[in-house]
Amino acid sequence: MRRSPDQPATLRDDGSHAQPKRRWLALAVLLLPTALTLMSVTSINVALPSIRESLGAGPVEQTLILTSYTIAFALVLLPAGRLGDRYGHKRVFIVGVAVFTLASAWCALAPDPTQLILGRVLSGVAGGLVLTPLNALIQLLYSGRERARPFAIMGAVFGAASAVGPMLGGLLLEVGGESGWHLVFWVNVPFGVVAAIAAALVIPRGTPLGVRGRDPLGLLLFSLGITALVLPFSLGSGVTPANLGVLATGLALLAGFALWERARERGERFAIVPLRLFRQRALPIGIITTFLGFASFTASFLMLALLWIDALRNAPLEAGIVVTPFALGSVTGALVSQRLSRRFGVRTVTFGLALVGGSLAVVGVLLVALPPAAITLPVMAAPLLAIGLGVGLFVGPNTNAAFVQTEPRDAGIASALITAAQRTGTAVGIGVISALYALGPGGSSEVVNHAAATFTTAAIAGAAVAVMVLSRRSRLEVPERR
């Protein structure tokens, strides 16, 4: 029996469409290693001071330890999406989980900053291979309004994992003492092994779309452009003529990539990113809002961790606990986002972003108005809870709206572009914060750290407001498919 063009390309389970219970079990298995990769972005924040002391990492090495993971993550997403379309997203996912597990062990055993940075690069490559299939498989497993619920659950996991990362990192540092930072990486190994085995057994066999064709120059232009765009933020060296030149080069390379892809399509040749995706309104707006949104709220975790440990002289565990209100708010917001999206559509995204921007501004005001001794968890709890609620209302509905016009044949590459926006936004946000934080002598002056955290919070709030304005331009609704 042939599938109609409007019917979603679901995964095959014993020759038929995946059963509902099997789909939800597969989603749970997909989200476990996804949570691990996200916690690896934020748990390192509280471990950085310990790593600095243990390995003698300098300022540039510290920045690269933070950002090399995200840069590598972003670079691999485009080929990961195409590999999934060609060979099956399940295969790409399992390979990614296996490599991530091995890379985590490498990081845990690293004897010096260089080895740790290399391990983080490999972890980032693996993280891209893990996260890209998630969006693609949700698109293929669910259709229309059905997608709202799994995307909402995904948003809850994104927020909770990002917030739990610092808490887990602080706990492991408390338990492990001087060697606690090694545990931050070792913890991924047993969970990674379990996730790889479960994925092989539980995720239904996919029917690869068999997308053929090669576009090496397009891939090279995109990869170099993204690298040049992110690199100046990653080195934490501030605004210099060299960095501005690299940024300009990155923009030029991405413009060249767009022209190259357009020429290939006109010549009826394979294009790694079909430009038809950008003729639709949903995906381009989703990419922009995702980039700016993740640059704002993900980077705020780094700011809070550095402020709590270095400037306020609290223990790493306390730095992890301080984001607990955010985690609770994020999960709550994500769980109610499906219901709100059905009633208000993409206005839910706008409201979530407004809540994020306003609450981050409140944090900035508190940092300016209060002396360091008065900055405590009870004081910060309410705005952090509100930030979490906003993030929960943003991630799932925004992702769902971005894919509303995407065809099954483009599931992998659309997923790669959205995930690239998430990771690149994270890299830029963390890079900006790291650069501001490094303005102080040795990065340890309480006054300078406090001021840097304040200005960073204001910058984050500005980015969130910009996202809010952009999101208001979208009037897309998720169609009901029957």
Protein backbone atom coordinates (compact mmCIF):
# COMPACT_ATOMS: atom_id res chain seq x y z
CA MET A 1 0.00 0.00 0.00
CA ARG A 2 1.51 3.32 -1.07
CA ARG A 3 1.84 6.23 1.34
CA SER A 4 0.08 9.42 0.32
CA PRO A 5 2.22 12.55 -0.07
CA ASP A 6 0.64 14.13 3.02
CA GLN A 7 1.22 11.13 5.25
CA PRO A 8 4.26 11.45 7.53
CA ALA A 9 7.25 9.25 6.83
CA THR A 10 7.26 7.35 10.11
CA LEU A 11 9.79 4.77 11.13
CA ARG A 12 9.17 1.15 10.24
CA ASP A 13 8.38 -1.34 13.03
CA ASP A 14 8.06 -4.91 11.79
CA GLY A 15 7.04 -3.65 8.37
CA SER A 16 4.41 -1.18 9.57
CA HIS A 17 4.27 2.28 11.15
CA ALA A 18 5.70 2.48 14.65
CA GLN A 19 3.17 1.67 17.37
CA PRO A 20 2.28 4.52 19.78
CA LYS A 21 3.84 2.86 22.85
CA ARG A 22 6.97 2.06 20.87
CA ARG A 23 7.22 5.66 19.71
CA TRP A 24 7.13 7.03 23.26
CA LEU A 25 9.66 4.48 24.45
CA ALA A 26 11.92 5.42 21.54
CA LEU A 27 11.56 9.09 22.47
CA ALA A 28 12.62 8.32 26.05
CA VAL A 29 15.72 6.50 24.80
CA LEU A 30 16.55 9.39 22.48
CA LEU A 31 16.28 11.94 25.27
CA LEU A 32 18.68 10.19 27.69
CA PRO A 33 21.92 10.79 25.73
CA THR A 34 20.52 14.13 24.57
CA ALA A 35 20.37 15.18 28.21
CA LEU A 36 23.96 13.99 28.71
CA THR A 37 25.24 16.10 25.81
CA LEU A 38 23.44 19.19 27.12
CA MET A 39 24.64 18.68 30.68
CA SER A 40 28.18 18.52 29.29
CA VAL A 41 27.74 22.12 28.11
CA THR A 42 26.72 23.49 31.52
CA SER A 43 28.30 21.12 34.07
CA ILE A 44 31.76 22.22 32.94
CA ASN A 45 30.89 25.75 34.09
CA VAL A 46 31.17 24.93 37.79
CA ALA A 47 34.13 22.60 37.18
CA LEU A 48 36.20 25.22 35.35
CA PRO A 49 37.85 26.77 38.45
CA SER A 50 38.89 23.29 39.63
CA ILE A 51 40.22 22.41 36.17
CA ARG A 52 42.11 25.69 36.08
CA GLU A 53 43.87 24.88 39.35
CA SER A 54 44.44 21.19 38.60
CA LEU A 55 45.78 21.47 35.05
CA GLY A 56 47.16 25.01 35.17
CA ALA A 57 44.97 26.17 32.29
CA GLY A 58 45.56 29.73 31.07
CA PRO A 59 42.81 32.19 30.06
CA VAL A 60 42.70 31.14 26.39
CA GLU A 61 42.79 27.45 27.33
CA GLN A 62 39.93 27.96 29.77
CA THR A 63 37.85 29.62 27.07
CA LEU A 64 38.61 26.82 24.60
CA ILE A 65 37.67 24.19 27.20
CA LEU A 66 34.28 25.90 27.40
CA THR A 67 33.69 26.65 23.72
CA SER A 68 35.54 23.97 21.71
CA TYR A 69 32.76 21.50 22.50
CA THR A 70 30.08 23.79 21.12
CA ILE A 71 32.05 24.79 18.02
CA ALA A 72 32.71 21.15 17.09
CA PHE A 73 29.07 20.38 17.88
CA ALA A 74 27.84 23.03 15.45
CA LEU A 75 30.23 22.07 12.64
CA VAL A 76 29.17 18.42 12.44
CA LEU A 77 25.42 19.06 12.33
CA LEU A 78 25.08 19.63 8.59
CA PRO A 79 26.83 16.42 7.52
CA ALA A 80 25.06 14.56 10.34
CA GLY A 81 21.69 15.57 8.94
CA ARG A 82 22.59 14.39 5.45
CA LEU A 83 24.11 11.16 6.76
CA GLY A 84 20.85 10.47 8.57
CA ASP A 85 18.80 11.13 5.44
CA ARG A 86 21.03 8.81 3.47
CA TYR A 87 21.77 5.93 5.86
CA GLY A 88 19.13 6.29 8.57
CA HIS A 89 18.99 8.55 11.62
CA LYS A 90 19.09 5.59 14.02
CA ARG A 91 22.56 4.59 12.81
CA VAL A 92 23.89 8.12 13.14
CA PHE A 93 22.45 8.37 16.64
CA ILE A 94 24.03 5.13 17.90
CA VAL A 95 27.43 6.04 16.44
CA GLY A 96 27.20 9.43 18.13
CA VAL A 97 26.37 7.91 21.54
CA ALA A 98 29.29 5.47 21.27
CA VAL A 99 31.79 8.17 20.31
CA PHE A 100 30.47 10.51 23.02
CA THR A 101 31.02 7.80 25.63
CA LEU A 102 34.62 7.23 24.51
CA ALA A 103 35.32 10.97 24.33
CA SER A 104 34.01 11.46 27.88
CA ALA A 105 36.51 8.86 29.11
CA TRP A 106 39.27 10.70 27.21
CA CYS A 107 38.36 13.98 28.94
CA ALA A 108 38.30 12.31 32.34
CA LEU A 109 41.82 10.96 31.80
CA ALA A 110 43.27 14.16 30.28
CA PRO A 111 46.63 15.01 31.89
CA ASP A 112 46.87 18.57 30.54
CA PRO A 113 44.68 21.33 29.01
CA THR A 114 45.57 20.37 25.43
CA GLN A 115 44.35 16.80 25.87
CA LEU A 116 41.20 18.04 27.57
CA ILE A 117 40.48 20.46 24.72
CA LEU A 118 40.97 17.68 22.15
CA GLY A 119 38.65 15.43 24.13
CA ARG A 120 36.08 18.21 24.26
CA VAL A 121 36.31 18.62 20.48
CA LEU A 122 35.61 14.90 19.97
CA SER A 123 32.78 15.10 22.51
CA GLY A 124 31.29 17.98 20.54
CA VAL A 125 31.46 16.05 17.27
CA ALA A 126 29.72 13.13 18.97
CA GLY A 127 27.13 15.46 20.54
CA GLY A 128 26.21 16.73 17.09
CA LEU A 129 25.73 13.16 15.88
CA VAL A 130 23.46 12.54 18.88
CA LEU A 131 21.30 15.64 18.81
CA THR A 132 20.63 16.01 15.07
CA PRO A 133 18.65 12.74 14.82
CA LEU A 134 16.43 13.81 17.72
CA ASN A 135 14.55 16.53 15.83
CA ALA A 136 14.58 14.48 12.64
CA LEU A 137 13.13 11.38 14.30
CA ILE A 138 10.42 13.40 16.05
CA GLN A 139 9.44 14.83 12.66
CA LEU A 140 9.30 11.34 11.16
CA LEU A 141 7.60 9.64 14.11
CA TYR A 142 4.90 12.27 14.66
CA SER A 143 2.89 14.54 12.38
CA GLY A 144 0.96 17.81 12.58
CA ARG A 145 -0.30 18.70 16.04
CA GLU A 146 0.96 15.33 17.29
CA ARG A 147 4.45 16.83 17.34
CA ALA A 148 3.55 19.45 19.95
CA ARG A 149 3.74 16.99 22.84
CA PRO A 150 7.12 15.36 22.06
CA PHE A 151 8.62 18.76 21.26
CA ALA A 152 7.27 20.05 24.59
CA ILE A 153 8.86 17.10 26.38
CA MET A 154 12.08 17.79 24.49
CA GLY A 155 11.94 21.40 25.65
CA ALA A 156 11.51 20.25 29.25
CA VAL A 157 14.55 18.00 28.92
CA PHE A 158 16.58 20.80 27.31
CA GLY A 159 15.83 23.19 30.15
CA ALA A 160 16.15 20.66 32.96
CA ALA A 161 19.37 19.13 31.63
CA SER A 162 20.97 22.53 31.10
CA ALA A 163 20.07 23.53 34.65
CA VAL A 164 20.83 20.19 36.30
CA GLY A 165 24.30 20.18 34.71
CA PRO A 166 25.76 22.76 37.11
CA MET A 167 24.05 21.10 40.07
CA LEU A 168 25.43 17.69 39.14
CA GLY A 169 28.85 19.18 38.48
CA GLY A 170 28.83 20.90 41.88
CA LEU A 171 27.81 17.69 43.64
CA LEU A 172 30.53 15.66 41.94
CA LEU A 173 33.12 18.31 42.81
CA GLU A 174 31.95 18.23 46.41
CA VAL A 175 32.22 14.43 46.55
CA GLY A 176 35.45 14.10 44.58
CA GLY A 177 37.38 16.99 46.06
CA GLU A 178 40.43 17.93 44.00
CA SER A 179 39.74 15.11 41.52
CA GLY A 180 36.03 15.91 41.34
CA TRP A 181 36.27 17.45 37.87
CA HIS A 182 37.26 14.03 36.51
CA LEU A 183 33.92 12.67 37.78
CA VAL A 184 32.08 15.31 35.75
CA PHE A 185 33.22 13.40 32.65
CA TRP A 186 33.24 9.86 34.06
CA VAL A 187 29.53 10.09 34.90
CA ASN A 188 28.71 10.10 31.17
CA VAL A 189 30.36 6.74 30.53
CA PRO A 190 27.94 4.25 32.18
CA PHE A 191 24.89 6.18 31.00
CA GLY A 192 26.34 6.34 27.49
CA VAL A 193 26.82 2.57 27.38
CA VAL A 194 23.25 1.98 28.55
CA ALA A 195 21.88 4.50 26.04
CA ALA A 196 23.74 2.95 23.09
CA ILE A 197 22.44 -0.55 23.91
CA ALA A 198 18.90 0.69 24.52
CA ALA A 199 18.91 2.66 21.26
CA ALA A 200 19.91 -0.44 19.29
CA LEU A 201 17.09 -2.44 20.88
CA VAL A 202 14.26 0.09 21.23
CA ILE A 203 14.40 2.68 18.44
CA PRO A 204 12.44 1.25 15.48
CA ARG A 205 14.32 0.50 12.32
CA GLY A 206 14.10 3.43 9.99
CA THR A 207 13.61 3.40 6.26
CA PRO A 208 16.52 5.57 5.04
CA LEU A 209 15.44 8.07 2.43
CA GLY A 210 18.57 7.25 0.45
CA VAL A 211 19.33 10.88 -0.32
CA ARG A 212 22.21 10.80 -2.82
CA GLY A 213 24.64 13.39 -3.99
CA ARG A 214 27.72 15.22 -2.81
CA ASP A 215 28.44 18.89 -2.35
CA PRO A 216 31.96 19.11 -0.85
CA LEU A 217 32.50 22.79 -1.65
CA GLY A 218 29.14 23.72 -0.13
CA LEU A 219 29.97 21.79 3.03
CA LEU A 220 33.42 23.42 3.20
CA LEU A 221 32.02 26.95 2.76
CA PHE A 222 29.39 26.37 5.44
CA SER A 223 31.84 24.81 7.91
CA LEU A 224 34.48 27.52 7.46
CA GLY A 225 31.81 30.25 7.65
CA ILE A 226 30.36 28.93 10.92
CA THR A 227 33.86 28.50 12.36
CA ALA A 228 34.85 32.07 11.45
CA LEU A 229 31.58 33.37 12.87
CA VAL A 230 32.08 31.67 16.23
CA LEU A 231 35.88 31.72 16.62
CA PRO A 232 36.31 35.35 17.76
CA PHE A 233 33.80 34.76 20.55
CA SER A 234 35.50 31.51 21.51
CA LEU A 235 38.95 32.98 22.14
CA GLY A 236 37.67 35.57 24.60
CA SER A 237 40.08 38.21 23.27
CA GLY A 238 37.50 40.97 22.96
CA VAL A 239 36.87 43.39 20.09
CA THR A 240 40.03 43.66 17.99
CA PRO A 241 40.63 44.43 14.30
CA ALA A 242 41.68 40.80 13.79
CA ASN A 243 38.47 39.48 15.33
CA LEU A 244 36.34 41.87 13.31
CA GLY A 245 38.15 40.68 10.19
CA VAL A 246 37.43 37.05 11.06
CA LEU A 247 33.76 37.88 11.61
CA ALA A 248 33.57 39.64 8.25
CA THR A 249 35.24 36.65 6.61
CA GLY A 250 32.69 34.32 8.18
CA LEU A 251 29.79 36.37 6.88
CA ALA A 252 31.37 36.47 3.42
CA LEU A 253 31.86 32.70 3.41
CA LEU A 254 28.23 32.12 4.40
CA ALA A 255 27.09 34.51 1.66
CA GLY A 256 29.27 32.59 -0.78
CA PHE A 257 27.71 29.36 0.47
CA ALA A 258 24.23 30.69 -0.26
CA LEU A 259 25.25 31.77 -3.78
CA TRP A 260 26.92 28.41 -4.42
CA GLU A 261 23.87 26.45 -3.30
CA ARG A 262 21.66 28.65 -5.48
CA ALA A 263 23.88 28.00 -8.51
CA ARG A 264 23.82 24.25 -7.91
CA GLU A 265 20.04 24.21 -7.69
CA ARG A 266 19.71 26.25 -10.88
CA GLY A 267 22.02 23.74 -12.58
CA GLU A 268 19.84 20.91 -11.20
CA ARG A 269 22.73 19.55 -9.17
CA PHE A 270 22.66 18.25 -5.60
CA ALA A 271 22.74 20.99 -2.95
CA ILE A 272 23.57 20.00 0.63
CA VAL A 273 21.08 22.64 1.85
CA PRO A 274 18.15 23.01 -0.56
CA LEU A 275 17.27 26.68 -0.80
CA ARG A 276 13.59 25.76 -0.99
CA LEU A 277 13.80 25.51 2.80
CA PHE A 278 14.43 29.26 2.96
CA ARG A 279 11.58 30.12 0.64
CA GLN A 280 9.29 28.93 3.40
CA ARG A 281 8.71 31.34 6.25
CA ALA A 282 8.75 28.93 9.18
CA LEU A 283 12.29 27.54 9.11
CA PRO A 284 14.24 30.82 8.58
CA ILE A 285 12.36 32.54 11.41
CA GLY A 286 12.88 29.46 13.58
CA ILE A 287 16.63 29.52 12.93
CA ILE A 288 16.92 33.21 13.92
CA THR A 289 14.83 32.93 17.07
CA THR A 290 16.60 29.73 18.10
CA PHE A 291 20.06 31.27 17.67
CA LEU A 292 19.29 34.38 19.71
CA GLY A 293 17.25 32.54 22.33
CA PHE A 294 19.93 29.94 23.07
CA ALA A 295 22.63 32.64 23.09
CA SER A 296 20.74 34.36 25.89
CA PHE A 297 19.48 31.79 28.37
CA THR A 298 22.16 29.09 27.96
CA ALA A 299 24.94 31.60 28.52
CA SER A 300 23.25 32.87 31.67
CA PHE A 301 24.17 29.60 33.43
CA LEU A 302 27.87 30.32 32.90
CA MET A 303 27.46 33.83 34.24
CA LEU A 304 25.73 32.59 37.41
CA ALA A 305 28.28 29.80 37.99
CA LEU A 306 31.27 32.12 37.63
CA LEU A 307 29.65 34.82 39.77
CA TRP A 308 28.69 32.38 42.52
CA ILE A 309 32.09 30.64 42.72
CA ASP A 310 34.70 33.29 41.93
CA ALA A 311 33.08 36.58 42.93
CA LEU A 312 30.89 35.44 45.84
CA ARG A 313 33.28 32.71 47.05
CA ASN A 314 30.64 29.99 47.30
CA ALA A 315 31.27 26.26 46.91
CA PRO A 316 30.68 24.65 43.48
CA LEU A 317 27.71 22.71 44.86
CA GLU A 318 26.00 25.96 45.86
CA ALA A 319 26.60 27.27 42.35
CA GLY A 320 24.76 24.24 41.03
CA ILE A 321 21.89 24.51 43.49
CA VAL A 322 21.27 28.16 42.63
CA VAL A 323 19.83 27.17 39.24
CA THR A 324 17.28 24.78 40.78
CA PRO A 325 14.44 27.34 40.44
CA PHE A 326 15.28 27.65 36.77
CA ALA A 327 15.06 23.88 36.31
CA LEU A 328 11.67 23.72 38.02
CA GLY A 329 10.36 26.62 35.99
CA SER A 330 11.67 25.18 32.73
CA VAL A 331 9.98 21.83 33.24
CA THR A 332 6.73 23.49 34.31
CA GLY A 333 6.74 25.84 31.33
CA ALA A 334 7.45 23.03 28.89
CA LEU A 335 4.66 20.86 30.27
CA VAL A 336 2.05 23.60 29.85
CA SER A 337 3.41 24.84 26.52
CA GLN A 338 1.48 22.28 24.48
CA ARG A 339 -1.86 23.43 25.87
CA LEU A 340 -0.98 27.10 25.46
CA SER A 341 0.25 26.54 21.91
CA ARG A 342 -3.05 24.99 20.91
CA ARG A 343 -4.88 28.09 22.13
CA PHE A 344 -2.46 30.91 21.29
CA GLY A 345 -0.23 29.47 18.55
CA VAL A 346 3.22 31.02 18.15
CA ARG A 347 2.25 33.84 20.50
CA THR A 348 3.30 31.34 23.18
CA VAL A 349 6.85 31.72 21.88
CA THR A 350 6.63 35.50 22.05
CA PHE A 351 5.35 35.40 25.61
CA GLY A 352 8.07 32.95 26.67
CA LEU A 353 10.78 35.14 25.21
CA ALA A 354 9.32 38.26 26.80
CA LEU A 355 9.38 36.47 30.15
CA VAL A 356 13.01 35.43 29.62
CA GLY A 357 14.10 38.94 28.63
CA GLY A 358 12.23 40.68 31.44
CA SER A 359 13.42 38.26 34.10
CA LEU A 360 17.04 38.49 32.97
CA ALA A 361 16.72 42.25 33.23
CA VAL A 362 15.49 41.82 36.81
CA VAL A 363 18.58 39.73 37.56
CA GLY A 364 20.73 42.51 36.16
CA VAL A 365 19.00 45.10 38.36
CA LEU A 366 19.52 42.92 41.44
CA LEU A 367 23.22 42.54 40.68
CA VAL A 368 23.59 46.31 40.35
CA ALA A 369 21.46 47.26 43.36
CA LEU A 370 22.61 44.71 45.94
CA PRO A 371 25.98 44.27 47.60
CA PRO A 372 27.62 40.87 46.93
CA ALA A 373 26.75 39.56 50.42
CA ALA A 374 23.04 40.12 49.74
CA ILE A 375 22.99 38.06 46.52
CA THR A 376 21.57 34.79 47.82
CA LEU A 377 19.42 31.97 46.47
CA PRO A 378 16.19 33.25 48.15
CA VAL A 379 16.73 36.65 46.53
CA MET A 380 17.44 35.17 43.09
CA ALA A 381 14.84 32.37 43.19
CA ALA A 382 11.84 34.25 41.76
CA PRO A 383 13.52 35.74 38.65
CA LEU A 384 15.32 32.45 37.98
CA LEU A 385 12.01 30.59 38.20
CA ALA A 386 10.50 33.08 35.74
CA ILE A 387 13.44 32.65 33.34
CA GLY A 388 12.87 28.89 33.44
CA LEU A 389 9.15 29.29 32.74
CA GLY A 390 9.96 31.46 29.74
CA VAL A 391 12.47 28.97 28.38
CA GLY A 392 9.99 26.13 28.79
CA LEU A 393 7.39 28.09 26.84
CA PHE A 394 9.92 28.94 24.14
CA VAL A 395 11.90 25.82 23.17
CA GLY A 396 9.20 23.28 22.30
CA PRO A 397 6.70 25.58 20.54
CA ASN A 398 9.47 27.41 18.68
CA THR A 399 10.95 24.14 17.39
CA ASN A 400 7.53 22.83 16.42
CA ALA A 401 6.69 26.03 14.53
CA ALA A 402 10.05 25.95 12.74
CA PHE A 403 9.31 22.52 11.24
CA VAL A 404 5.67 23.11 10.35
CA GLN A 405 6.40 23.46 6.59
CA THR A 406 9.24 20.93 6.39
CA GLU A 407 8.74 17.92 4.10
CA PRO A 408 9.81 14.43 5.26
CA ARG A 409 12.64 14.35 2.68
CA ASP A 410 14.18 17.42 4.36
CA ALA A 411 13.77 16.25 7.96
CA GLY A 412 17.48 15.62 8.51
CA ILE A 413 18.84 18.82 7.03
CA ALA A 414 16.15 21.00 8.66
CA SER A 415 16.95 19.39 12.00
CA ALA A 416 20.64 20.06 11.43
CA LEU A 417 20.02 23.75 10.71
CA ILE A 418 17.89 24.27 13.83
CA THR A 419 20.34 22.35 16.00
CA ALA A 420 23.24 24.31 14.47
CA ALA A 421 21.43 27.51 15.46
CA GLN A 422 21.08 26.20 19.02
CA ARG A 423 24.74 25.28 19.38
CA THR A 424 26.14 28.31 17.53
CA GLY A 425 23.99 30.59 19.66
CA THR A 426 25.30 28.84 22.75
CA ALA A 427 28.90 29.29 21.56
CA VAL A 428 28.42 32.99 20.86
CA GLY A 429 26.67 33.59 24.19
CA ILE A 430 29.32 31.77 26.21
CA GLY A 431 32.08 33.48 24.22
CA VAL A 432 30.68 36.95 24.94
CA ILE A 433 30.35 36.16 28.65
CA SER A 434 33.86 34.69 28.81
CA ALA A 435 35.30 37.79 27.15
CA LEU A 436 33.52 40.13 29.57
CA TYR A 437 34.46 38.00 32.53
CA ALA A 438 38.14 38.01 31.52
CA LEU A 439 38.28 41.80 31.72
CA GLY A 440 39.24 41.54 35.38
CA PRO A 441 42.89 40.98 36.39
CA GLY A 442 43.27 37.21 36.56
CA GLY A 443 39.51 36.86 36.32
CA SER A 444 39.22 36.92 40.13
CA SER A 445 38.46 40.50 41.18
CA GLU A 446 35.12 40.57 42.96
CA VAL A 447 34.25 44.06 41.78
CA VAL A 448 35.14 43.44 38.14
CA ASN A 449 33.46 40.02 38.12
CA HIS A 450 30.34 41.57 39.61
CA ALA A 451 30.30 44.33 36.97
CA ALA A 452 31.02 41.87 34.15
CA ALA A 453 28.16 39.66 35.29
CA THR A 454 25.88 42.71 35.34
CA PHE A 455 26.77 43.87 31.84
CA THR A 456 26.52 40.31 30.57
CA THR A 457 23.05 39.95 32.02
CA ALA A 458 22.01 43.17 30.30
CA ALA A 459 23.42 41.86 27.00
CA ILE A 460 21.53 38.61 27.43
CA ALA A 461 18.31 40.50 28.14
CA GLY A 462 18.84 42.57 25.00
CA ALA A 463 19.29 39.45 22.90
CA ALA A 464 16.14 37.93 24.35
CA VAL A 465 14.13 41.07 23.56
CA ALA A 466 15.47 41.00 19.99
CA VAL A 467 14.24 37.43 19.69
CA MET A 468 10.87 38.47 21.02
CA VAL A 469 10.51 41.18 18.38
CA LEU A 470 11.46 38.78 15.60
CA SER A 471 9.08 36.11 16.81
CA ARG A 472 6.15 38.53 16.65
CA ARG A 473 6.55 38.63 12.87
CA SER A 474 5.57 34.98 12.58
CA ARG A 475 1.92 34.07 12.27
CA LEU A 476 2.43 30.42 11.47
CA GLU A 477 0.18 27.84 12.99
CA VAL A 478 0.66 24.08 13.16
CA PRO A 479 -1.77 22.44 10.73
CA GLU A 480 -3.98 19.60 11.82
CA ARG A 481 -3.31 16.48 9.77
CA ARG A 482 -5.84 13.73 9.65
